[in-house]
PDB file of all heavy atoms in Angstrom:
ATOM      1  N   TYR A   1      58.705  66.657  90.579  1.00  0.00           N
ATOM      2  CA  TYR A   1      59.920  67.300  91.098  1.00  0.00           C
ATOM      3  C   TYR A   1      60.329  68.495  90.231  1.00  0.00           C
ATOM      4  O   TYR A   1      60.724  69.534  90.767  1.00  0.00           O
ATOM      5  CB  TYR A   1      61.056  66.289  91.184  1.00  0.00           C
ATOM      6  CG  TYR A   1      61.180  65.584  92.514  1.00  0.00           C
ATOM      7  CD1 TYR A   1      60.404  64.488  92.781  1.00  0.00           C
ATOM      8  CD2 TYR A   1      62.045  66.053  93.522  1.00  0.00           C
ATOM      9  CE1 TYR A   1      60.506  63.808  94.007  1.00  0.00           C
ATOM     10  CE2 TYR A   1      62.131  65.407  94.733  1.00  0.00           C
ATOM     11  CZ  TYR A   1      61.363  64.291  94.971  1.00  0.00           C
ATOM     12  OH  TYR A   1      61.473  63.638  96.181  1.00  0.00           O
ATOM     13  N   LYS A   2      60.226  68.318  88.957  1.00  0.00           N
ATOM     14  CA  LYS A   2      60.622  69.411  88.039  1.00  0.00           C
ATOM     15  C   LYS A   2      59.747  70.652  88.231  1.00  0.00           C
ATOM     16  O   LYS A   2      60.232  71.766  88.295  1.00  0.00           O
ATOM     17  CB  LYS A   2      60.538  68.918  86.594  1.00  0.00           C
ATOM     18  CG  LYS A   2      61.061  69.934  85.582  1.00  0.00           C
ATOM     19  CD  LYS A   2      61.073  69.330  84.178  1.00  0.00           C
ATOM     20  CE  LYS A   2      61.608  70.308  83.136  1.00  0.00           C
ATOM     21  NZ  LYS A   2      61.659  69.717  81.766  1.00  0.00           N
ATOM     22  N   PHE A   3      58.428  70.437  88.310  1.00  0.00           N
ATOM     23  CA  PHE A   3      57.546  71.588  88.474  1.00  0.00           C
ATOM     24  C   PHE A   3      57.701  72.184  89.895  1.00  0.00           C
ATOM     25  O   PHE A   3      57.742  73.413  90.045  1.00  0.00           O
ATOM     26  CB  PHE A   3      56.071  71.196  88.253  1.00  0.00           C
ATOM     27  CG  PHE A   3      55.139  72.333  88.497  1.00  0.00           C
ATOM     28  CD1 PHE A   3      54.919  73.278  87.495  1.00  0.00           C
ATOM     29  CD2 PHE A   3      54.480  72.504  89.698  1.00  0.00           C
ATOM     30  CE1 PHE A   3      54.099  74.372  87.725  1.00  0.00           C
ATOM     31  CE2 PHE A   3      53.631  73.559  89.932  1.00  0.00           C
ATOM     32  CZ  PHE A   3      53.424  74.494  88.928  1.00  0.00           C
ATOM     33  N   ASN A   4      57.768  71.327  90.916  1.00  0.00           N
ATOM     34  CA  ASN A   4      57.858  71.831  92.278  1.00  0.00           C
ATOM     35  C   ASN A   4      59.032  72.764  92.473  1.00  0.00           C
ATOM     36  O   ASN A   4      58.976  73.763  93.191  1.00  0.00           O
ATOM     37  CB  ASN A   4      57.938  70.659  93.256  1.00  0.00           C
ATOM     38  CG  ASN A   4      58.054  71.103  94.721  1.00  0.00           C
ATOM     39  OD1 ASN A   4      57.130  71.670  95.249  1.00  0.00           O
ATOM     40  ND2 ASN A   4      59.189  70.791  95.319  1.00  0.00           N
ATOM     41  N   ALA A   5      60.176  72.436  91.797  1.00  0.00           N
ATOM     42  CA  ALA A   5      61.403  73.235  91.949  1.00  0.00           C
ATOM     43  C   ALA A   5      61.462  74.436  90.983  1.00  0.00           C
ATOM     44  O   ALA A   5      62.369  75.245  91.103  1.00  0.00           O
ATOM     45  CB  ALA A   5      62.627  72.344  91.746  1.00  0.00           C
ATOM     46  N   SER A   6      60.506  74.516  90.077  1.00  0.00           N
ATOM     47  CA  SER A   6      60.525  75.599  89.082  1.00  0.00           C
ATOM     48  C   SER A   6      60.137  76.933  89.702  1.00  0.00           C
ATOM     49  O   SER A   6      59.603  76.971  90.802  1.00  0.00           O
ATOM     50  CB  SER A   6      59.561  75.261  87.934  1.00  0.00           C
ATOM     51  OG  SER A   6      58.207  75.379  88.369  1.00  0.00           O
ATOM     52  N   PRO A   7      60.354  78.067  88.980  1.00  0.00           N
ATOM     53  CA  PRO A   7      59.998  79.374  89.527  1.00  0.00           C
ATOM     54  C   PRO A   7      58.501  79.474  89.861  1.00  0.00           C
ATOM     55  O   PRO A   7      58.123  80.250  90.728  1.00  0.00           O
ATOM     56  CB  PRO A   7      60.380  80.345  88.388  1.00  0.00           C
ATOM     57  CG  PRO A   7      61.460  79.649  87.689  1.00  0.00           C
ATOM     58  CD  PRO A   7      61.145  78.169  87.726  1.00  0.00           C
ATOM     59  N   ASN A   8      57.656  78.699  89.168  1.00  0.00           N
ATOM     60  CA  ASN A   8      56.229  78.726  89.428  1.00  0.00           C
ATOM     61  C   ASN A   8      55.778  77.635  90.363  1.00  0.00           C
ATOM     62  O   ASN A   8      54.561  77.480  90.604  1.00  0.00           O
ATOM     63  CB  ASN A   8      55.473  78.581  88.111  1.00  0.00           C
ATOM     64  CG  ASN A   8      55.705  79.749  87.157  1.00  0.00           C
ATOM     65  OD1 ASN A   8      55.795  80.885  87.600  1.00  0.00           O
ATOM     66  ND2 ASN A   8      55.804  79.462  85.872  1.00  0.00           N
ATOM     67  N   GLY A   9      56.700  76.865  90.902  1.00  0.00           N
ATOM     68  CA  GLY A   9      56.345  75.707  91.757  1.00  0.00           C
ATOM     69  C   GLY A   9      56.186  76.070  93.247  1.00  0.00           C
ATOM     70  O   GLY A   9      56.462  77.182  93.665  1.00  0.00           O
ATOM     71  N   TRP A  10      55.729  75.106  93.994  1.00  0.00           N
ATOM     72  CA  TRP A  10      55.505  75.299  95.437  1.00  0.00           C
ATOM     73  C   TRP A  10      56.820  75.331  96.217  1.00  0.00           C
ATOM     74  O   TRP A  10      56.904  75.902  97.277  1.00  0.00           O
ATOM     75  CB  TRP A  10      54.628  74.171  95.997  1.00  0.00           C
ATOM     76  CG  TRP A  10      53.276  74.052  95.395  1.00  0.00           C
ATOM     77  CD1 TRP A  10      52.192  74.804  95.672  1.00  0.00           C
ATOM     78  CD2 TRP A  10      52.880  73.144  94.364  1.00  0.00           C
ATOM     79  NE1 TRP A  10      51.138  74.433  94.909  1.00  0.00           N
ATOM     80  CE2 TRP A  10      51.543  73.389  94.093  1.00  0.00           C
ATOM     81  CE3 TRP A  10      53.532  72.138  93.654  1.00  0.00           C
ATOM     82  CZ2 TRP A  10      50.794  72.669  93.139  1.00  0.00           C
ATOM     83  CZ3 TRP A  10      52.835  71.401  92.721  1.00  0.00           C
ATOM     84  CH2 TRP A  10      51.475  71.656  92.471  1.00  0.00           C
ATOM     85  N   LYS A  11      57.841  74.609  95.686  1.00  0.00           N
ATOM     86  CA  LYS A  11      59.119  74.479  96.329  1.00  0.00           C
ATOM     87  C   LYS A  11      59.009  73.800  97.720  1.00  0.00           C
ATOM     88  O   LYS A  11      59.686  74.161  98.685  1.00  0.00           O
ATOM     89  CB  LYS A  11      59.846  75.848  96.454  1.00  0.00           C
ATOM     90  CG  LYS A  11      60.150  76.427  95.105  1.00  0.00           C
ATOM     91  CD  LYS A  11      60.815  77.812  95.231  1.00  0.00           C
ATOM     92  CE  LYS A  11      61.202  78.341  93.849  1.00  0.00           C
ATOM     93  NZ  LYS A  11      60.020  78.562  92.977  1.00  0.00           N
ATOM     94  N   PHE A  12      58.092  72.842  97.793  1.00  0.00           N
ATOM     95  CA  PHE A  12      57.981  72.060  99.003  1.00  0.00           C
ATOM     96  C   PHE A  12      59.233  71.173  99.194  1.00  0.00           C
ATOM     97  O   PHE A  12      59.880  70.809  98.222  1.00  0.00           O
ATOM     98  CB  PHE A  12      56.754  71.137  98.931  1.00  0.00           C
ATOM     99  CG  PHE A  12      55.424  71.848  99.046  1.00  0.00           C
ATOM    100  CD1 PHE A  12      54.262  71.208  98.597  1.00  0.00           C
ATOM    101  CD2 PHE A  12      55.345  73.142  99.578  1.00  0.00           C
ATOM    102  CE1 PHE A  12      53.036  71.844  98.704  1.00  0.00           C
ATOM    103  CE2 PHE A  12      54.117  73.763  99.666  1.00  0.00           C
ATOM    104  CZ  PHE A  12      52.952  73.147  99.230  1.00  0.00           C
ATOM    105  N   ASP A  13      59.532  70.866 100.430  1.00  0.00           N
ATOM    106  CA  ASP A  13      60.652  70.015 100.774  1.00  0.00           C
ATOM    107  C   ASP A  13      60.193  68.549 100.557  1.00  0.00           C
ATOM    108  O   ASP A  13      59.448  68.021 101.377  1.00  0.00           O
ATOM    109  CB  ASP A  13      61.057  70.237 102.217  1.00  0.00           C
ATOM    110  CG  ASP A  13      62.239  69.365 102.624  1.00  0.00           C
ATOM    111  OD1 ASP A  13      62.945  68.866 101.723  1.00  0.00           O
ATOM    112  OD2 ASP A  13      62.480  69.143 103.837  1.00  0.00           O
ATOM    113  N   LEU A  14      60.603  67.946  99.464  1.00  0.00           N
ATOM    114  CA  LEU A  14      60.187  66.590  99.107  1.00  0.00           C
ATOM    115  C   LEU A  14      61.339  65.606  99.312  1.00  0.00           C
ATOM    116  O   LEU A  14      62.505  65.940  99.070  1.00  0.00           O
ATOM    117  CB  LEU A  14      59.719  66.546  97.654  1.00  0.00           C
ATOM    118  CG  LEU A  14      58.604  67.529  97.278  1.00  0.00           C
ATOM    119  CD1 LEU A  14      58.274  67.376  95.799  1.00  0.00           C
ATOM    120  CD2 LEU A  14      57.357  67.262  98.116  1.00  0.00           C
ATOM    121  N   ILE A  15      60.981  64.385  99.739  1.00  0.00           N
ATOM    122  CA  ILE A  15      61.964  63.348  99.957  1.00  0.00           C
ATOM    123  C   ILE A  15      61.807  62.201  98.957  1.00  0.00           C
ATOM    124  O   ILE A  15      62.792  61.675  98.408  1.00  0.00           O
ATOM    125  CB  ILE A  15      61.880  62.833 101.401  1.00  0.00           C
ATOM    126  CG1 ILE A  15      62.266  63.927 102.391  1.00  0.00           C
ATOM    127  CG2 ILE A  15      62.812  61.624 101.574  1.00  0.00           C
ATOM    128  CD1 ILE A  15      62.103  63.544 103.835  1.00  0.00           C
ATOM    129  N   GLY A  16      60.574  61.840  98.638  1.00  0.00           N
ATOM    130  CA  GLY A  16      60.364  60.733  97.690  1.00  0.00           C
ATOM    131  C   GLY A  16      58.975  60.149  97.856  1.00  0.00           C
ATOM    132  O   GLY A  16      58.120  60.710  98.570  1.00  0.00           O
ATOM    133  N   MET A  17      58.761  58.999  97.230  1.00  0.00           N
ATOM    134  CA  MET A  17      57.457  58.312  97.333  1.00  0.00           C
ATOM    135  C   MET A  17      57.566  57.210  98.406  1.00  0.00           C
ATOM    136  O   MET A  17      58.266  56.232  98.193  1.00  0.00           O
ATOM    137  CB  MET A  17      57.084  57.684  95.991  1.00  0.00           C
ATOM    138  CG  MET A  17      56.640  58.667  94.925  1.00  0.00           C
ATOM    139  SD  MET A  17      56.082  57.788  93.450  1.00  0.00           S
ATOM    140  CE  MET A  17      55.648  59.163  92.374  1.00  0.00           C
ATOM    141  N   ALA A  18      56.871  57.407  99.454  1.00  0.00           N
ATOM    142  CA  ALA A  18      56.811  56.370 100.526  1.00  0.00           C
ATOM    143  C   ALA A  18      55.680  55.380 100.305  1.00  0.00           C
ATOM    144  O   ALA A  18      55.582  54.363 101.013  1.00  0.00           O
ATOM    145  CB  ALA A  18      56.639  57.041 101.898  1.00  0.00           C
ATOM    146  N   GLU A  19      54.828  55.690  99.332  1.00  0.00           N
ATOM    147  CA  GLU A  19      53.726  54.804  98.981  1.00  0.00           C
ATOM    148  C   GLU A  19      53.722  54.593  97.465  1.00  0.00           C
ATOM    149  O   GLU A  19      54.006  55.505  96.701  1.00  0.00           O
ATOM    150  CB  GLU A  19      52.388  55.393  99.394  1.00  0.00           C
ATOM    151  CG  GLU A  19      52.267  55.552 100.921  1.00  0.00           C
ATOM    152  CD  GLU A  19      51.030  56.365 101.317  1.00  0.00           C
ATOM    153  OE1 GLU A  19      51.141  57.607 101.375  1.00  0.00           O
ATOM    154  OE2 GLU A  19      49.997  55.733 101.561  1.00  0.00           O
ATOM    155  N   ARG A  20      53.430  53.365  97.051  1.00  0.00           N
ATOM    156  CA  ARG A  20      53.423  53.017  95.638  1.00  0.00           C
ATOM    157  C   ARG A  20      52.272  53.671  94.889  1.00  0.00           C
ATOM    158  O   ARG A  20      51.198  53.857  95.481  1.00  0.00           O
ATOM    159  CB  ARG A  20      53.360  51.508  95.473  1.00  0.00           C
ATOM    160  CG  ARG A  20      54.640  50.760  95.818  1.00  0.00           C
ATOM    161  CD  ARG A  20      54.365  49.290  96.081  1.00  0.00           C
ATOM    162  NE  ARG A  20      53.927  49.078  97.448  1.00  0.00           N
ATOM    163  CZ  ARG A  20      53.470  47.947  97.873  1.00  0.00           C
ATOM    164  NH1 ARG A  20      53.384  46.877  97.110  1.00  0.00           N
ATOM    165  NH2 ARG A  20      53.080  47.812  99.166  1.00  0.00           N
ATOM    166  N   PRO A  21      52.443  53.980  93.594  1.00  0.00           N
ATOM    167  CA  PRO A  21      51.324  54.458  92.791  1.00  0.00           C
ATOM    168  C   PRO A  21      50.250  53.375  92.756  1.00  0.00           C
ATOM    169  O   PRO A  21      50.537  52.199  92.700  1.00  0.00           O
ATOM    170  CB  PRO A  21      51.921  54.663  91.401  1.00  0.00           C
ATOM    171  CG  PRO A  21      53.404  54.755  91.633  1.00  0.00           C
ATOM    172  CD  PRO A  21      53.688  53.886  92.801  1.00  0.00           C
ATOM    173  N   MET A  22      48.975  53.789  92.794  1.00  0.00           N
ATOM    174  CA  MET A  22      47.834  52.884  92.757  1.00  0.00           C
ATOM    175  C   MET A  22      46.914  53.245  91.616  1.00  0.00           C
ATOM    176  O   MET A  22      46.815  54.403  91.257  1.00  0.00           O
ATOM    177  CB  MET A  22      47.079  52.915  94.094  1.00  0.00           C
ATOM    178  CG  MET A  22      47.863  52.500  95.307  1.00  0.00           C
ATOM    179  SD  MET A  22      46.826  52.665  96.777  1.00  0.00           S
ATOM    180  CE  MET A  22      46.588  54.436  96.870  1.00  0.00           C
ATOM    181  N   MET A  23      46.240  52.270  91.080  1.00  0.00           N
ATOM    182  CA  MET A  23      45.193  52.562  90.111  1.00  0.00           C
ATOM    183  C   MET A  23      43.837  52.497  90.795  1.00  0.00           C
ATOM    184  O   MET A  23      43.563  51.604  91.570  1.00  0.00           O
ATOM    185  CB  MET A  23      45.196  51.601  88.924  1.00  0.00           C
ATOM    186  CG  MET A  23      44.178  52.003  87.838  1.00  0.00           C
ATOM    187  SD  MET A  23      44.143  50.985  86.377  1.00  0.00           S
ATOM    188  CE  MET A  23      43.211  49.550  86.958  1.00  0.00           C
ATOM    189  N   MET A  24      43.006  53.499  90.542  1.00  0.00           N
ATOM    190  CA  MET A  24      41.622  53.568  91.021  1.00  0.00           C
ATOM    191  C   MET A  24      40.664  53.256  89.878  1.00  0.00           C
ATOM    192  O   MET A  24      40.810  53.814  88.785  1.00  0.00           O
ATOM    193  CB  MET A  24      41.314  54.949  91.598  1.00  0.00           C
ATOM    194  CG  MET A  24      42.241  55.382  92.730  1.00  0.00           C
ATOM    195  SD  MET A  24      42.052  54.377  94.214  1.00  0.00           S
ATOM    196  CE  MET A  24      43.245  55.101  95.280  1.00  0.00           C
ATOM    197  N   GLU A  25      39.733  52.400  90.127  1.00  0.00           N
ATOM    198  CA  GLU A  25      38.709  52.028  89.164  1.00  0.00           C
ATOM    199  C   GLU A  25      37.356  52.440  89.734  1.00  0.00           C
ATOM    200  O   GLU A  25      36.924  51.958  90.755  1.00  0.00           O
ATOM    201  CB  GLU A  25      38.750  50.539  88.883  1.00  0.00           C
ATOM    202  CG  GLU A  25      37.696  50.043  87.923  1.00  0.00           C
ATOM    203  CD  GLU A  25      37.710  48.534  87.790  1.00  0.00           C
ATOM    204  OE1 GLU A  25      37.684  47.836  88.846  1.00  0.00           O
ATOM    205  OE2 GLU A  25      37.741  48.031  86.660  1.00  0.00           O
ATOM    206  N   TYR A  26      36.694  53.369  89.016  1.00  0.00           N
ATOM    207  CA  TYR A  26      35.385  53.860  89.434  1.00  0.00           C
ATOM    208  C   TYR A  26      34.323  53.328  88.465  1.00  0.00           C
ATOM    209  O   TYR A  26      34.251  53.748  87.314  1.00  0.00           O
ATOM    210  CB  TYR A  26      35.364  55.407  89.419  1.00  0.00           C
ATOM    211  CG  TYR A  26      36.262  56.028  90.444  1.00  0.00           C
ATOM    212  CD1 TYR A  26      37.612  56.288  90.183  1.00  0.00           C
ATOM    213  CD2 TYR A  26      35.771  56.413  91.707  1.00  0.00           C
ATOM    214  CE1 TYR A  26      38.450  56.883  91.106  1.00  0.00           C
ATOM    215  CE2 TYR A  26      36.606  56.996  92.651  1.00  0.00           C
ATOM    216  CZ  TYR A  26      37.929  57.235  92.352  1.00  0.00           C
ATOM    217  OH  TYR A  26      38.768  57.827  93.281  1.00  0.00           O
ATOM    218  N   PRO A  27      33.481  52.398  88.892  1.00  0.00           N
ATOM    219  CA  PRO A  27      32.496  51.791  87.975  1.00  0.00           C
ATOM    220  C   PRO A  27      31.289  52.689  87.697  1.00  0.00           C
ATOM    221  O   PRO A  27      30.923  53.559  88.513  1.00  0.00           O
ATOM    222  CB  PRO A  27      32.084  50.512  88.715  1.00  0.00           C
ATOM    223  CG  PRO A  27      32.225  50.882  90.195  1.00  0.00           C
ATOM    224  CD  PRO A  27      33.424  51.793  90.220  1.00  0.00           C
ATOM    225  N   GLU A  28      30.652  52.426  86.581  1.00  0.00           N
ATOM    226  CA  GLU A  28      29.473  53.157  86.173  1.00  0.00           C
ATOM    227  C   GLU A  28      28.346  53.063  87.210  1.00  0.00           C
ATOM    228  O   GLU A  28      28.044  51.990  87.709  1.00  0.00           O
ATOM    229  CB  GLU A  28      28.967  52.621  84.827  1.00  0.00           C
ATOM    230  CG  GLU A  28      27.725  53.326  84.279  1.00  0.00           C
ATOM    231  CD  GLU A  28      27.316  52.810  82.911  1.00  0.00           C
ATOM    232  OE1 GLU A  28      28.224  52.415  82.123  1.00  0.00           O
ATOM    233  OE2 GLU A  28      26.104  52.785  82.629  1.00  0.00           O
ATOM    234  N   GLY A  29      27.753  54.214  87.520  1.00  0.00           N
ATOM    235  CA  GLY A  29      26.604  54.249  88.416  1.00  0.00           C
ATOM    236  C   GLY A  29      26.912  54.090  89.886  1.00  0.00           C
ATOM    237  O   GLY A  29      26.004  54.254  90.716  1.00  0.00           O
ATOM    238  N   GLU A  30      28.176  53.823  90.241  1.00  0.00           N
ATOM    239  CA  GLU A  30      28.539  53.603  91.622  1.00  0.00           C
ATOM    240  C   GLU A  30      29.804  54.330  92.070  1.00  0.00           C
ATOM    241  O   GLU A  30      29.908  54.780  93.199  1.00  0.00           O
ATOM    242  CB  GLU A  30      28.744  52.112  91.901  1.00  0.00           C
ATOM    243  CG  GLU A  30      27.513  51.253  91.666  1.00  0.00           C
ATOM    244  CD  GLU A  30      27.817  49.756  91.870  1.00  0.00           C
ATOM    245  OE1 GLU A  30      29.026  49.426  91.960  1.00  0.00           O
ATOM    246  OE2 GLU A  30      26.865  48.979  91.943  1.00  0.00           O
ATOM    247  N   GLY A  31      30.758  54.440  91.145  1.00  0.00           N
ATOM    248  CA  GLY A  31      32.052  54.978  91.500  1.00  0.00           C
ATOM    249  C   GLY A  31      32.070  56.435  91.873  1.00  0.00           C
ATOM    250  O   GLY A  31      31.535  57.278  91.125  1.00  0.00           O
ATOM    251  N   LYS A  32      32.656  56.724  93.032  1.00  0.00           N
ATOM    252  CA  LYS A  32      32.733  58.107  93.529  1.00  0.00           C
ATOM    253  C   LYS A  32      33.643  58.152  94.727  1.00  0.00           C
ATOM    254  O   LYS A  32      33.972  57.111  95.308  1.00  0.00           O
ATOM    255  CB  LYS A  32      31.331  58.638  93.928  1.00  0.00           C
ATOM    256  CG  LYS A  32      30.738  57.911  95.118  1.00  0.00           C
ATOM    257  CD  LYS A  32      29.429  58.518  95.546  1.00  0.00           C
ATOM    258  CE  LYS A  32      28.858  57.778  96.755  1.00  0.00           C
ATOM    259  NZ  LYS A  32      27.613  58.369  97.238  1.00  0.00           N
ATOM    260  N   TYR A  33      34.047  59.321  95.125  1.00  0.00           N
ATOM    261  CA  TYR A  33      34.797  59.543  96.373  1.00  0.00           C
ATOM    262  C   TYR A  33      34.462  60.933  96.826  1.00  0.00           C
ATOM    263  O   TYR A  33      34.813  61.935  96.217  1.00  0.00           O
ATOM    264  CB  TYR A  33      36.307  59.406  96.121  1.00  0.00           C
ATOM    265  CG  TYR A  33      37.157  59.233  97.351  1.00  0.00           C
ATOM    266  CD1 TYR A  33      38.502  58.923  97.230  1.00  0.00           C
ATOM    267  CD2 TYR A  33      36.643  59.393  98.629  1.00  0.00           C
ATOM    268  CE1 TYR A  33      39.321  58.783  98.358  1.00  0.00           C
ATOM    269  CE2 TYR A  33      37.436  59.251  99.747  1.00  0.00           C
ATOM    270  CZ  TYR A  33      38.763  58.924  99.615  1.00  0.00           C
ATOM    271  OH  TYR A  33      39.560  58.774 100.737  1.00  0.00           O
ATOM    272  N   ASP A  34      33.751  61.055  97.950  1.00  0.00           N
ATOM    273  CA  ASP A  34      33.259  62.335  98.423  1.00  0.00           C
ATOM    274  C   ASP A  34      34.408  63.229  98.927  1.00  0.00           C
ATOM    275  O   ASP A  34      35.553  62.820  98.962  1.00  0.00           O
ATOM    276  CB  ASP A  34      32.197  62.129  99.508  1.00  0.00           C
ATOM    277  CG  ASP A  34      31.087  63.145  99.464  1.00  0.00           C
ATOM    278  OD1 ASP A  34      31.306  64.230  98.899  1.00  0.00           O
ATOM    279  OD2 ASP A  34      29.992  62.880  99.993  1.00  0.00           O
ATOM    280  N   TRP A  35      34.047  64.451  99.365  1.00  0.00           N
ATOM    281  CA  TRP A  35      35.021  65.441  99.781  1.00  0.00           C
ATOM    282  C   TRP A  35      35.993  64.913 100.826  1.00  0.00           C
ATOM    283  O   TRP A  35      35.534  64.334 101.836  1.00  0.00           O
ATOM    284  CB  TRP A  35      34.342  66.712 100.290  1.00  0.00           C
ATOM    285  CG  TRP A  35      33.580  67.482  99.263  1.00  0.00           C
ATOM    286  CD1 TRP A  35      32.216  67.609  99.171  1.00  0.00           C
ATOM    287  CD2 TRP A  35      34.134  68.207  98.165  1.00  0.00           C
ATOM    288  NE1 TRP A  35      31.898  68.378  98.068  1.00  0.00           N
ATOM    289  CE2 TRP A  35      33.036  68.799  97.459  1.00  0.00           C
ATOM    290  CE3 TRP A  35      35.422  68.471  97.727  1.00  0.00           C
ATOM    291  CZ2 TRP A  35      33.244  69.587  96.327  1.00  0.00           C
ATOM    292  CZ3 TRP A  35      35.612  69.265  96.627  1.00  0.00           C
ATOM    293  CH2 TRP A  35      34.508  69.805  95.934  1.00  0.00           C
ATOM    294  N   HIS A  36      37.275  65.129 100.648  1.00  0.00           N
ATOM    295  CA  HIS A  36      38.252  64.673 101.592  1.00  0.00           C
ATOM    296  C   HIS A  36      39.601  65.388 101.316  1.00  0.00           C
ATOM    297  O   HIS A  36      39.749  66.059 100.289  1.00  0.00           O
ATOM    298  CB  HIS A  36      38.478  63.163 101.473  1.00  0.00           C
ATOM    299  CG  HIS A  36      39.046  62.740 100.147  1.00  0.00           C
ATOM    300  ND1 HIS A  36      38.319  62.703  98.987  1.00  0.00           N
ATOM    301  CD2 HIS A  36      40.313  62.315  99.803  1.00  0.00           C
ATOM    302  CE1 HIS A  36      39.056  62.295  97.978  1.00  0.00           C
ATOM    303  NE2 HIS A  36      40.291  62.068  98.457  1.00  0.00           N
ATOM    304  N   ILE A  37      40.533  65.242 102.229  1.00  0.00           N
ATOM    305  CA  ILE A  37      41.913  65.658 102.022  1.00  0.00           C
ATOM    306  C   ILE A  37      42.785  64.403 102.112  1.00  0.00           C
ATOM    307  O   ILE A  37      42.366  63.371 102.642  1.00  0.00           O
ATOM    308  CB  ILE A  37      42.392  66.749 103.003  1.00  0.00           C
ATOM    309  CG1 ILE A  37      42.416  66.205 104.460  1.00  0.00           C
ATOM    310  CG2 ILE A  37      41.522  67.985 102.906  1.00  0.00           C
ATOM    311  CD1 ILE A  37      42.998  67.189 105.443  1.00  0.00           C
ATOM    312  N   ASP A  38      44.007  64.491 101.610  1.00  0.00           N
ATOM    313  CA  ASP A  38      44.862  63.327 101.560  1.00  0.00           C
ATOM    314  C   ASP A  38      45.851  63.252 102.721  1.00  0.00           C
ATOM    315  O   ASP A  38      46.647  62.317 102.795  1.00  0.00           O
ATOM    316  CB  ASP A  38      45.652  63.295 100.230  1.00  0.00           C
ATOM    317  CG  ASP A  38      44.743  62.889  99.075  1.00  0.00           C
ATOM    318  OD1 ASP A  38      43.599  62.419  99.329  1.00  0.00           O
ATOM    319  OD2 ASP A  38      45.175  63.000  97.915  1.00  0.00           O
ATOM    320  N   LEU A  39      45.817  64.211 103.611  1.00  0.00           N
ATOM    321  CA  LEU A  39      46.626  64.145 104.805  1.00  0.00           C
ATOM    322  C   LEU A  39      45.896  63.343 105.872  1.00  0.00           C
ATOM    323  O   LEU A  39      44.677  63.277 105.884  1.00  0.00           O
ATOM    324  CB  LEU A  39      46.909  65.551 105.331  1.00  0.00           C
ATOM    325  CG  LEU A  39      47.923  66.382 104.618  1.00  0.00           C
ATOM    326  CD1 LEU A  39      47.905  67.798 105.129  1.00  0.00           C
ATOM    327  CD2 LEU A  39      49.310  65.807 104.777  1.00  0.00           C
ATOM    328  N   GLY A  40      46.666  62.729 106.776  1.00  0.00           N
ATOM    329  CA  GLY A  40      46.041  61.978 107.877  1.00  0.00           C
ATOM    330  C   GLY A  40      46.967  61.960 109.056  1.00  0.00           C
ATOM    331  O   GLY A  40      48.150  62.364 108.990  1.00  0.00           O
ATOM    332  N   PRO A  41      46.487  61.445 110.200  1.00  0.00           N
ATOM    333  CA  PRO A  41      47.292  61.458 111.434  1.00  0.00           C
ATOM    334  C   PRO A  41      48.357  60.338 111.509  1.00  0.00           C
ATOM    335  O   PRO A  41      49.207  60.384 112.333  1.00  0.00           O
ATOM    336  CB  PRO A  41      46.222  61.231 112.519  1.00  0.00           C
ATOM    337  CG  PRO A  41      45.168  60.437 111.840  1.00  0.00           C
ATOM    338  CD  PRO A  41      45.113  60.945 110.393  1.00  0.00           C
TER     339      PRO A  41
END
């Protein structure tokens, strides 16, 4: 929020976190996530 509202920020209209923070665990030799965006329908 602090950066978004700063002179160098995006100044997007934000409301809050509708999803909880998650931890991702990527194991050796297998862990990956190919090209994607985080928006969805």
